[in-house]
Amino acid sequence: MSKKPSLLTARQSSLPLRNPQADRSLMAMILLMTFVILMIGASSVYFGRLAGGWETKLSEIATIEIQDSKFTTKLQKDIESFLDSQGIVNSYEIIPPEEVMDAVSPWLDIKGLRDTDMPLPVIINLSLESTNKLDVDKLAFSLKAISEYINFQNHQNWLSDALKWANLIRLLSIAIACALLAVLVLALSLLVRDRVVLNKDVIDLLHVMGATDHYILKEFLWHLLAVTLKALVLGVVFYLLVSGLLYSFLMPDHDGTELFSSMFTLSDPYILLGIPLLVFIFVAVTVWRTVIKAVRALP
């Protein structure tokens, strides 16, 4: 009994489907589409996790800012006494201007800051028990009653806007991926239809010899899916190489690794498996439908 050939290897076909130039063009198209959709998928996961992290970490955080010159010992005691008595406040941390300066030093000229009169505030970070708007507004009003120099900032407003933008980017990513799949399906349909027409005489001869439409379909599927598998493997390899290069260039010192962890690492294997599988299914279904329709439409 003869051994069945692998799908990735050359196979003797009843139809002259092997066309190196056309096969290379098809492989390049599928490779590029796979790579782009993988990048889009990883970006979508990244922004989803980013939005989730923001919502989890920042929704229950508020900030009090006070001018350093107005932050007296009495005011500090009044604020601490008030915050200790508030059930909505889980914990708080007072950050003096020196620590604020250290925090902004990587982004600004710290020597220049120390040599100028630029005011840096005292910051009090609050961890809140509740994000109920009425409770938060009541807390802000009570703090303002302690001193007019207290500037209470709740992160809900800008956090809501940031979440909207992150979700919008995710939706745009999904829309672009769907558009690319639609382009792939359209281009593949035209290519398969052309190959059916070019092989009309051979198909007619096979029909005369008793071959069915499904036999002809099997020949097309075997050849085109072999090309597709090669393109998918190369697309995944190309994606991993580009992701690794981006990761090494963006974070050579591995600072802020969590920022790009979902985008430039293998932390999402279902992206690497799911997207190529999705492309493969789209190609298989497109070839199936197009070949059957084109063969039956032959005069």
C-alpha atoms as a PDB file:
ATOM      1  CA  MET A   1       0.000   0.000   0.000  1.00  0.00           C
ATOM      2  CA  SER A   2       1.448   3.365  -0.990  1.00  0.00           C
ATOM      3  CA  LYS A   3       2.020   5.941   1.702  1.00  0.00           C
ATOM      4  CA  LYS A   4      -0.173   9.053   1.553  1.00  0.00           C
ATOM      5  CA  PRO A   5       1.886  12.188   0.927  1.00  0.00           C
ATOM      6  CA  SER A   6       2.004  14.954   3.489  1.00  0.00           C
ATOM      7  CA  LEU A   7      -0.133  17.988   2.866  1.00  0.00           C
ATOM      8  CA  LEU A   8       3.007  20.136   2.830  1.00  0.00           C
ATOM      9  CA  THR A   9       4.758  18.045   0.195  1.00  0.00           C
ATOM     10  CA  ALA A  10       4.319  17.944  -3.542  1.00  0.00           C
ATOM     11  CA  ARG A  11       1.543  15.651  -4.745  1.00  0.00           C
ATOM     12  CA  GLN A  12       0.789  14.238  -8.152  1.00  0.00           C
ATOM     13  CA  SER A  13      -2.434  15.895  -9.307  1.00  0.00           C
ATOM     14  CA  SER A  14      -4.823  15.154 -12.143  1.00  0.00           C
ATOM     15  CA  LEU A  15      -5.011  18.916 -12.738  1.00  0.00           C
ATOM     16  CA  PRO A  16      -2.027  21.096 -13.741  1.00  0.00           C
ATOM     17  CA  LEU A  17      -2.468  23.391 -10.748  1.00  0.00           C
ATOM     18  CA  ARG A  18       1.196  23.952  -9.973  1.00  0.00           C
ATOM     19  CA  ASN A  19       2.107  27.477 -11.037  1.00  0.00           C
ATOM     20  CA  PRO A  20       5.209  28.668  -9.167  1.00  0.00           C
ATOM     21  CA  GLN A  21       4.655  32.359  -9.844  1.00  0.00           C
ATOM     22  CA  ALA A  22       0.967  32.309  -8.897  1.00  0.00           C
ATOM     23  CA  ASP A  23       1.655  30.104  -5.870  1.00  0.00           C
ATOM     24  CA  ARG A  24       4.349  32.490  -4.629  1.00  0.00           C
ATOM     25  CA  SER A  25       1.982  35.438  -5.036  1.00  0.00           C
ATOM     26  CA  LEU A  26      -0.735  33.618  -3.105  1.00  0.00           C
ATOM     27  CA  MET A  27       1.724  32.588  -0.408  1.00  0.00           C
ATOM     28  CA  ALA A  28       3.014  36.162  -0.051  1.00  0.00           C
ATOM     29  CA  MET A  29      -0.533  37.510   0.236  1.00  0.00           C
ATOM     30  CA  ILE A  30      -1.557  34.992   2.919  1.00  0.00           C
ATOM     31  CA  LEU A  31       1.744  35.459   4.776  1.00  0.00           C
ATOM     32  CA  LEU A  32       1.302  39.244   4.862  1.00  0.00           C
ATOM     33  CA  MET A  33      -2.355  39.006   5.870  1.00  0.00           C
ATOM     34  CA  THR A  34      -1.514  36.540   8.647  1.00  0.00           C
ATOM     35  CA  PHE A  35       1.284  38.736   9.970  1.00  0.00           C
ATOM     36  CA  VAL A  36      -0.835  41.900   9.981  1.00  0.00           C
ATOM     37  CA  ILE A  37      -3.824  40.187  11.608  1.00  0.00           C
ATOM     38  CA  LEU A  38      -1.530  38.669  14.263  1.00  0.00           C
ATOM     39  CA  MET A  39      -0.175  42.130  15.077  1.00  0.00           C
ATOM     40  CA  ILE A  40      -3.711  43.531  15.180  1.00  0.00           C
ATOM     41  CA  GLY A  41      -4.885  40.667  17.394  1.00  0.00           C
ATOM     42  CA  ALA A  42      -2.008  41.162  19.822  1.00  0.00           C
ATOM     43  CA  SER A  43      -2.671  44.922  19.876  1.00  0.00           C
ATOM     44  CA  SER A  44      -6.354  44.326  20.598  1.00  0.00           C
ATOM     45  CA  VAL A  45      -5.481  42.035  23.515  1.00  0.00           C
ATOM     46  CA  TYR A  46      -2.965  44.601  24.769  1.00  0.00           C
ATOM     47  CA  PHE A  47      -5.463  47.461  24.789  1.00  0.00           C
ATOM     48  CA  GLY A  48      -8.064  45.224  26.404  1.00  0.00           C
ATOM     49  CA  ARG A  49      -5.691  44.361  29.234  1.00  0.00           C
ATOM     50  CA  LEU A  50      -4.556  47.974  29.489  1.00  0.00           C
ATOM     51  CA  ALA A  51      -8.139  49.179  29.864  1.00  0.00           C
ATOM     52  CA  GLY A  52      -8.871  46.447  32.406  1.00  0.00           C
ATOM     53  CA  GLY A  53      -5.761  47.352  34.384  1.00  0.00           C
ATOM     54  CA  TRP A  54      -6.690  51.027  34.416  1.00  0.00           C
ATOM     55  CA  GLU A  55     -10.216  50.267  35.551  1.00  0.00           C
ATOM     56  CA  THR A  56      -9.011  47.951  38.316  1.00  0.00           C
ATOM     57  CA  LYS A  57      -6.126  50.049  39.624  1.00  0.00           C
ATOM     58  CA  LEU A  58      -7.314  53.628  39.116  1.00  0.00           C
ATOM     59  CA  SER A  59     -11.079  53.554  39.629  1.00  0.00           C
ATOM     60  CA  GLU A  60     -10.675  53.481  43.428  1.00  0.00           C
ATOM     61  CA  ILE A  61      -7.859  56.035  43.644  1.00  0.00           C
ATOM     62  CA  ALA A  62      -8.118  59.776  44.276  1.00  0.00           C
ATOM     63  CA  THR A  63      -5.517  62.489  44.803  1.00  0.00           C
ATOM     64  CA  ILE A  64      -5.245  65.534  47.037  1.00  0.00           C
ATOM     65  CA  GLU A  65      -2.864  68.309  45.979  1.00  0.00           C
ATOM     66  CA  ILE A  66      -1.823  71.124  48.318  1.00  0.00           C
ATOM     67  CA  GLN A  67       0.695  73.905  47.727  1.00  0.00           C
ATOM     68  CA  ASP A  68       3.824  73.201  49.733  1.00  0.00           C
ATOM     69  CA  SER A  69       3.798  76.689  51.231  1.00  0.00           C
ATOM     70  CA  LYS A  70       0.242  76.175  52.502  1.00  0.00           C
ATOM     71  CA  PHE A  71       0.802  72.682  53.911  1.00  0.00           C
ATOM     72  CA  THR A  72       1.308  73.468  57.596  1.00  0.00           C
ATOM     73  CA  THR A  73       1.613  71.027  60.464  1.00  0.00           C
ATOM     74  CA  LYS A  74      -1.853  72.010  61.665  1.00  0.00           C
ATOM     75  CA  LEU A  75      -3.367  71.429  58.220  1.00  0.00           C
ATOM     76  CA  GLN A  76      -1.647  68.037  58.000  1.00  0.00           C
ATOM     77  CA  LYS A  77      -3.082  66.981  61.366  1.00  0.00           C
ATOM     78  CA  ASP A  78      -6.553  68.208  60.392  1.00  0.00           C
ATOM     79  CA  ILE A  79      -6.447  66.251  57.126  1.00  0.00           C
ATOM     80  CA  GLU A  80      -5.108  63.093  58.772  1.00  0.00           C
ATOM     81  CA  SER A  81      -7.740  63.266  61.512  1.00  0.00           C
ATOM     82  CA  PHE A  82     -10.495  63.745  58.938  1.00  0.00           C
ATOM     83  CA  LEU A  83      -9.305  60.945  56.644  1.00  0.00           C
ATOM     84  CA  ASP A  84      -8.943  58.534  59.578  1.00  0.00           C
ATOM     85  CA  SER A  85     -12.595  59.108  60.431  1.00  0.00           C
ATOM     86  CA  GLN A  86     -13.907  58.490  56.914  1.00  0.00           C
ATOM     87  CA  GLY A  87     -15.142  54.989  56.131  1.00  0.00           C
ATOM     88  CA  ILE A  88     -14.844  55.648  52.395  1.00  0.00           C
ATOM     89  CA  VAL A  89     -11.061  56.018  52.743  1.00  0.00           C
ATOM     90  CA  ASN A  90      -9.223  52.708  52.950  1.00  0.00           C
ATOM     91  CA  SER A  91      -5.752  54.206  53.224  1.00  0.00           C
ATOM     92  CA  TYR A  92      -3.765  57.278  52.298  1.00  0.00           C
ATOM     93  CA  GLU A  93      -0.148  58.253  51.717  1.00  0.00           C
ATOM     94  CA  ILE A  94       1.378  61.719  52.002  1.00  0.00           C
ATOM     95  CA  ILE A  95       4.059  62.395  49.395  1.00  0.00           C
ATOM     96  CA  PRO A  96       6.249  65.455  50.093  1.00  0.00           C
ATOM     97  CA  PRO A  97       7.583  67.685  47.267  1.00  0.00           C
ATOM     98  CA  GLU A  98      11.007  66.025  47.445  1.00  0.00           C
ATOM     99  CA  GLU A  99       9.513  62.665  46.519  1.00  0.00           C
ATOM    100  CA  VAL A 100       7.385  64.313  43.836  1.00  0.00           C
ATOM    101  CA  MET A 101      10.594  65.772  42.421  1.00  0.00           C
ATOM    102  CA  ASP A 102      12.222  62.337  42.408  1.00  0.00           C
ATOM    103  CA  ALA A 103       9.199  60.918  40.607  1.00  0.00           C
ATOM    104  CA  VAL A 104       9.324  63.501  37.803  1.00  0.00           C
ATOM    105  CA  SER A 105      13.123  63.558  37.545  1.00  0.00           C
ATOM    106  CA  PRO A 106      13.320  61.016  34.685  1.00  0.00           C
ATOM    107  CA  TRP A 107      11.092  63.260  32.569  1.00  0.00           C
ATOM    108  CA  LEU A 108      12.262  66.756  33.593  1.00  0.00           C
ATOM    109  CA  ASP A 109      15.544  68.499  34.348  1.00  0.00           C
ATOM    110  CA  ILE A 110      15.730  67.814  38.079  1.00  0.00           C
ATOM    111  CA  LYS A 111      18.739  70.105  38.561  1.00  0.00           C
ATOM    112  CA  GLY A 112      16.840  72.895  36.879  1.00  0.00           C
ATOM    113  CA  LEU A 113      13.839  72.249  39.107  1.00  0.00           C
ATOM    114  CA  ARG A 114      15.926  72.549  42.243  1.00  0.00           C
ATOM    115  CA  ASP A 115      17.535  75.776  41.065  1.00  0.00           C
ATOM    116  CA  THR A 116      14.213  77.473  40.239  1.00  0.00           C
ATOM    117  CA  ASP A 117      11.147  78.508  42.175  1.00  0.00           C
ATOM    118  CA  MET A 118       8.833  76.109  40.348  1.00  0.00           C
ATOM    119  CA  PRO A 119       6.259  75.081  42.967  1.00  0.00           C
ATOM    120  CA  LEU A 120       5.833  71.382  43.574  1.00  0.00           C
ATOM    121  CA  PRO A 121       2.790  70.366  45.604  1.00  0.00           C
ATOM    122  CA  VAL A 122       2.366  67.996  48.475  1.00  0.00           C
ATOM    123  CA  ILE A 123       0.385  65.034  47.172  1.00  0.00           C
ATOM    124  CA  ILE A 124      -1.837  62.728  49.200  1.00  0.00           C
ATOM    125  CA  ASN A 125      -2.854  59.515  47.455  1.00  0.00           C
ATOM    126  CA  LEU A 126      -6.162  58.067  48.611  1.00  0.00           C
ATOM    127  CA  SER A 127      -7.409  54.506  48.248  1.00  0.00           C
ATOM    128  CA  LEU A 128     -11.210  54.607  48.305  1.00  0.00           C
ATOM    129  CA  GLU A 129     -13.621  51.970  49.546  1.00  0.00           C
ATOM    130  CA  SER A 130     -16.374  53.143  47.198  1.00  0.00           C
ATOM    131  CA  THR A 131     -16.515  54.909  43.842  1.00  0.00           C
ATOM    132  CA  ASN A 132     -20.112  56.026  44.303  1.00  0.00           C
ATOM    133  CA  LYS A 133     -20.352  59.540  42.896  1.00  0.00           C
ATOM    134  CA  LEU A 134     -22.375  60.923  45.803  1.00  0.00           C
ATOM    135  CA  ASP A 135     -19.918  59.560  48.373  1.00  0.00           C
ATOM    136  CA  VAL A 136     -16.903  60.870  46.453  1.00  0.00           C
ATOM    137  CA  ASP A 137     -18.494  64.303  45.965  1.00  0.00           C
ATOM    138  CA  LYS A 138     -19.313  64.444  49.672  1.00  0.00           C
ATOM    139  CA  LEU A 139     -15.686  63.616  50.503  1.00  0.00           C
ATOM    140  CA  ALA A 140     -14.433  66.342  48.153  1.00  0.00           C
ATOM    141  CA  PHE A 141     -16.819  68.914  49.672  1.00  0.00           C
ATOM    142  CA  SER A 142     -15.749  68.030  53.217  1.00  0.00           C
ATOM    143  CA  LEU A 143     -12.057  68.315  52.314  1.00  0.00           C
ATOM    144  CA  LYS A 144     -12.629  71.703  50.720  1.00  0.00           C
ATOM    145  CA  ALA A 145     -14.292  72.818  53.965  1.00  0.00           C
ATOM    146  CA  ILE A 146     -11.082  72.021  55.864  1.00  0.00           C
ATOM    147  CA  SER A 147      -8.987  74.319  53.678  1.00  0.00           C
ATOM    148  CA  GLU A 148      -9.527  76.251  50.489  1.00  0.00           C
ATOM    149  CA  TYR A 149      -6.041  75.224  49.362  1.00  0.00           C
ATOM    150  CA  ILE A 150      -6.999  71.561  49.080  1.00  0.00           C
ATOM    151  CA  ASN A 151      -7.386  70.426  45.477  1.00  0.00           C
ATOM    152  CA  PHE A 152      -9.221  67.087  45.350  1.00  0.00           C
ATOM    153  CA  GLN A 153      -8.974  65.150  42.081  1.00  0.00           C
ATOM    154  CA  ASN A 154     -11.000  62.083  41.240  1.00  0.00           C
ATOM    155  CA  HIS A 155      -9.665  60.022  38.312  1.00  0.00           C
ATOM    156  CA  GLN A 156     -13.090  58.874  37.122  1.00  0.00           C
ATOM    157  CA  ASN A 157     -13.520  61.552  34.443  1.00  0.00           C
ATOM    158  CA  TRP A 158     -10.275  61.068  32.556  1.00  0.00           C
ATOM    159  CA  LEU A 159     -10.352  57.321  33.262  1.00  0.00           C
ATOM    160  CA  SER A 160     -13.741  57.078  31.563  1.00  0.00           C
ATOM    161  CA  ASP A 161     -12.373  58.912  28.517  1.00  0.00           C
ATOM    162  CA  ALA A 162      -9.266  56.725  28.447  1.00  0.00           C
ATOM    163  CA  LEU A 163     -11.370  53.555  28.596  1.00  0.00           C
ATOM    164  CA  LYS A 164     -13.528  54.814  25.733  1.00  0.00           C
ATOM    165  CA  TRP A 165     -10.440  55.433  23.592  1.00  0.00           C
ATOM    166  CA  ALA A 166      -8.941  52.053  24.463  1.00  0.00           C
ATOM    167  CA  ASN A 167     -12.176  50.265  23.570  1.00  0.00           C
ATOM    168  CA  LEU A 168     -12.487  52.315  20.379  1.00  0.00           C
ATOM    169  CA  ILE A 169      -8.989  51.256  19.332  1.00  0.00           C
ATOM    170  CA  ARG A 170      -9.926  47.628  20.017  1.00  0.00           C
ATOM    171  CA  LEU A 171     -13.044  47.937  17.861  1.00  0.00           C
ATOM    172  CA  LEU A 172     -11.035  49.572  15.076  1.00  0.00           C
ATOM    173  CA  SER A 173      -8.485  46.759  15.280  1.00  0.00           C
ATOM    174  CA  ILE A 174     -11.211  44.143  14.950  1.00  0.00           C
ATOM    175  CA  ALA A 175     -12.777  46.065  12.049  1.00  0.00           C
ATOM    176  CA  ILE A 176      -9.427  46.245  10.234  1.00  0.00           C
ATOM    177  CA  ALA A 177      -8.851  42.519  10.779  1.00  0.00           C
ATOM    178  CA  CYS A 178     -12.313  41.741   9.372  1.00  0.00           C
ATOM    179  CA  ALA A 179     -11.628  43.995   6.382  1.00  0.00           C
ATOM    180  CA  LEU A 180      -8.342  42.183   5.710  1.00  0.00           C
ATOM    181  CA  LEU A 181     -10.097  38.817   5.872  1.00  0.00           C
ATOM    182  CA  ALA A 182     -12.716  40.112   3.433  1.00  0.00           C
ATOM    183  CA  VAL A 183      -9.971  41.251   1.040  1.00  0.00           C
ATOM    184  CA  LEU A 184      -8.297  37.847   1.351  1.00  0.00           C
ATOM    185  CA  VAL A 185     -11.563  36.042   0.591  1.00  0.00           C
ATOM    186  CA  LEU A 186     -12.254  38.268  -2.438  1.00  0.00           C
ATOM    187  CA  ALA A 187      -8.737  37.928  -3.857  1.00  0.00           C
ATOM    188  CA  LEU A 188      -8.720  34.170  -3.285  1.00  0.00           C
ATOM    189  CA  SER A 189     -12.129  33.798  -4.943  1.00  0.00           C
ATOM    190  CA  LEU A 190     -10.899  35.596  -8.068  1.00  0.00           C
ATOM    191  CA  LEU A 191      -7.699  33.546  -8.155  1.00  0.00           C
ATOM    192  CA  VAL A 192      -9.524  30.212  -7.788  1.00  0.00           C
ATOM    193  CA  ARG A 193     -12.130  31.160 -10.380  1.00  0.00           C
ATOM    194  CA  ASP A 194      -9.367  32.050 -12.848  1.00  0.00           C
ATOM    195  CA  ARG A 195      -7.640  28.710 -12.248  1.00  0.00           C
ATOM    196  CA  VAL A 196     -10.871  26.839 -12.835  1.00  0.00           C
ATOM    197  CA  VAL A 197     -11.389  28.671 -16.138  1.00  0.00           C
ATOM    198  CA  LEU A 198      -7.769  28.094 -17.208  1.00  0.00           C
ATOM    199  CA  ASN A 199      -8.165  24.361 -16.563  1.00  0.00           C
ATOM    200  CA  LYS A 200     -11.570  24.098 -18.252  1.00  0.00           C
ATOM    201  CA  ASP A 201     -10.408  21.617 -20.886  1.00  0.00           C
ATOM    202  CA  VAL A 202      -8.808  19.300 -18.317  1.00  0.00           C
ATOM    203  CA  ILE A 203     -11.878  19.519 -16.076  1.00  0.00           C
ATOM    204  CA  ASP A 204     -14.145  18.640 -19.021  1.00  0.00           C
ATOM    205  CA  LEU A 205     -11.915  15.663 -19.817  1.00  0.00           C
ATOM    206  CA  LEU A 206     -12.048  14.481 -16.201  1.00  0.00           C
ATOM    207  CA  HIS A 207     -15.831  14.760 -16.267  1.00  0.00           C
ATOM    208  CA  VAL A 208     -15.928  12.623 -19.412  1.00  0.00           C
ATOM    209  CA  MET A 209     -13.754  10.048 -17.621  1.00  0.00           C
ATOM    210  CA  GLY A 210     -16.270   9.958 -14.757  1.00  0.00           C
ATOM    211  CA  ALA A 211     -14.698  12.370 -12.264  1.00  0.00           C
ATOM    212  CA  THR A 212     -17.176  14.185 -10.019  1.00  0.00           C
ATOM    213  CA  ASP A 213     -17.165  17.832  -9.003  1.00  0.00           C
ATOM    214  CA  HIS A 214     -16.073  16.802  -5.519  1.00  0.00           C
ATOM    215  CA  TYR A 215     -13.044  14.985  -6.941  1.00  0.00           C
ATOM    216  CA  ILE A 216     -12.017  18.184  -8.735  1.00  0.00           C
ATOM    217  CA  LEU A 217     -12.694  20.131  -5.549  1.00  0.00           C
ATOM    218  CA  LYS A 218     -10.388  17.782  -3.631  1.00  0.00           C
ATOM    219  CA  GLU A 219      -7.576  18.449  -6.113  1.00  0.00           C
ATOM    220  CA  PHE A 220      -7.941  22.223  -5.694  1.00  0.00           C
ATOM    221  CA  LEU A 221      -8.204  21.966  -1.930  1.00  0.00           C
ATOM    222  CA  TRP A 222      -5.128  19.764  -1.613  1.00  0.00           C
ATOM    223  CA  HIS A 223      -2.966  22.111  -3.639  1.00  0.00           C
ATOM    224  CA  LEU A 224      -4.198  25.462  -2.288  1.00  0.00           C
ATOM    225  CA  LEU A 225      -4.316  24.360   1.351  1.00  0.00           C
ATOM    226  CA  ALA A 226      -0.728  23.119   1.079  1.00  0.00           C
ATOM    227  CA  VAL A 227       0.280  26.590  -0.137  1.00  0.00           C
ATOM    228  CA  THR A 228      -1.794  28.144   2.656  1.00  0.00           C
ATOM    229  CA  LEU A 229      -0.160  26.038   5.380  1.00  0.00           C
ATOM    230  CA  LYS A 230       3.307  27.048   4.230  1.00  0.00           C
ATOM    231  CA  ALA A 231       2.259  30.719   4.204  1.00  0.00           C
ATOM    232  CA  LEU A 232       0.734  30.463   7.690  1.00  0.00           C
ATOM    233  CA  VAL A 233       3.870  28.899   9.155  1.00  0.00           C
ATOM    234  CA  LEU A 234       6.038  31.597   7.575  1.00  0.00           C
ATOM    235  CA  GLY A 235       3.606  34.299   8.730  1.00  0.00           C
ATOM    236  CA  VAL A 236       3.787  33.139  12.355  1.00  0.00           C
ATOM    237  CA  VAL A 237       7.594  32.927  12.206  1.00  0.00           C
ATOM    238  CA  PHE A 238       7.773  36.416  10.677  1.00  0.00           C
ATOM    239  CA  TYR A 239       5.448  37.745  13.391  1.00  0.00           C
ATOM    240  CA  LEU A 240       7.611  36.241  16.145  1.00  0.00           C
ATOM    241  CA  LEU A 241      10.785  37.690  14.627  1.00  0.00           C
ATOM    242  CA  VAL A 242       9.323  41.183  14.226  1.00  0.00           C
ATOM    243  CA  SER A 243       7.769  41.051  17.709  1.00  0.00           C
ATOM    244  CA  GLY A 244      11.099  40.026  19.213  1.00  0.00           C
ATOM    245  CA  LEU A 245      12.906  42.866  17.439  1.00  0.00           C
ATOM    246  CA  LEU A 246      10.302  45.410  18.535  1.00  0.00           C
ATOM    247  CA  TYR A 247      10.477  44.125  22.096  1.00  0.00           C
ATOM    248  CA  SER A 248      14.278  44.371  22.193  1.00  0.00           C
ATOM    249  CA  PHE A 249      14.338  47.868  20.679  1.00  0.00           C
ATOM    250  CA  LEU A 250      11.489  49.296  22.759  1.00  0.00           C
ATOM    251  CA  MET A 251      12.679  47.848  26.067  1.00  0.00           C
ATOM    252  CA  PRO A 252      16.393  47.042  25.929  1.00  0.00           C
ATOM    253  CA  ASP A 253      16.616  47.330  29.724  1.00  0.00           C
ATOM    254  CA  HIS A 254      13.342  45.438  30.332  1.00  0.00           C
ATOM    255  CA  ASP A 255      11.847  48.452  32.108  1.00  0.00           C
ATOM    256  CA  GLY A 256       8.059  48.494  32.092  1.00  0.00           C
ATOM    257  CA  THR A 257       7.919  44.988  30.710  1.00  0.00           C
ATOM    258  CA  GLU A 258       4.275  44.672  31.642  1.00  0.00           C
ATOM    259  CA  LEU A 259       3.422  47.522  29.262  1.00  0.00           C
ATOM    260  CA  PHE A 260       4.066  45.460  26.160  1.00  0.00           C
ATOM    261  CA  SER A 261       3.863  41.958  27.628  1.00  0.00           C
ATOM    262  CA  SER A 262       0.690  41.011  25.780  1.00  0.00           C
ATOM    263  CA  MET A 263       1.821  42.581  22.534  1.00  0.00           C
ATOM    264  CA  PHE A 264       5.391  41.430  22.102  1.00  0.00           C
ATOM    265  CA  THR A 265       5.694  38.128  23.970  1.00  0.00           C
ATOM    266  CA  LEU A 266       4.222  34.644  23.788  1.00  0.00           C
ATOM    267  CA  SER A 267       1.875  35.338  26.712  1.00  0.00           C
ATOM    268  CA  ASP A 268      -1.095  34.867  24.362  1.00  0.00           C
ATOM    269  CA  PRO A 269      -0.606  31.498  22.638  1.00  0.00           C
ATOM    270  CA  TYR A 270      -4.246  31.417  21.609  1.00  0.00           C
ATOM    271  CA  ILE A 271      -3.482  34.405  19.342  1.00  0.00           C
ATOM    272  CA  LEU A 272      -0.693  32.429  17.665  1.00  0.00           C
ATOM    273  CA  LEU A 273      -2.943  29.398  17.240  1.00  0.00           C
ATOM    274  CA  GLY A 274      -6.366  30.955  16.804  1.00  0.00           C
ATOM    275  CA  ILE A 275      -5.630  33.505  14.084  1.00  0.00           C
ATOM    276  CA  PRO A 276      -3.767  31.118  11.722  1.00  0.00           C
ATOM    277  CA  LEU A 277      -6.539  28.559  12.270  1.00  0.00           C
ATOM    278  CA  LEU A 278      -9.136  31.225  11.454  1.00  0.00           C
ATOM    279  CA  VAL A 279      -7.298  32.188   8.254  1.00  0.00           C
ATOM    280  CA  PHE A 280      -6.981  28.506   7.285  1.00  0.00           C
ATOM    281  CA  ILE A 281     -10.724  27.972   7.774  1.00  0.00           C
ATOM    282  CA  PHE A 282     -11.548  31.068   5.719  1.00  0.00           C
ATOM    283  CA  VAL A 283      -9.291  29.859   2.900  1.00  0.00           C
ATOM    284  CA  ALA A 284     -10.746  26.334   2.970  1.00  0.00           C
ATOM    285  CA  VAL A 285     -14.355  27.549   2.915  1.00  0.00           C
ATOM    286  CA  THR A 286     -13.595  30.096   0.181  1.00  0.00           C
ATOM    287  CA  VAL A 287     -11.882  27.506  -2.027  1.00  0.00           C
ATOM    288  CA  TRP A 288     -14.689  25.014  -1.414  1.00  0.00           C
ATOM    289  CA  ARG A 289     -17.497  27.407  -2.356  1.00  0.00           C
ATOM    290  CA  THR A 290     -15.661  29.025  -5.268  1.00  0.00           C
ATOM    291  CA  VAL A 291     -14.534  25.790  -6.933  1.00  0.00           C
ATOM    292  CA  ILE A 292     -17.982  24.192  -6.726  1.00  0.00           C
ATOM    293  CA  LYS A 293     -19.684  27.307  -8.120  1.00  0.00           C
ATOM    294  CA  ALA A 294     -17.069  27.872 -10.840  1.00  0.00           C
ATOM    295  CA  VAL A 295     -17.022  24.234 -12.003  1.00  0.00           C
ATOM    296  CA  ARG A 296     -20.814  24.061 -12.172  1.00  0.00           C
ATOM    297  CA  ALA A 297     -20.898  27.357 -14.075  1.00  0.00           C
ATOM    298  CA  LEU A 298     -18.569  26.087 -16.813  1.00  0.00           C
ATOM    299  CA  PRO A 299     -20.321  25.831 -20.212  1.00  0.00           C
END
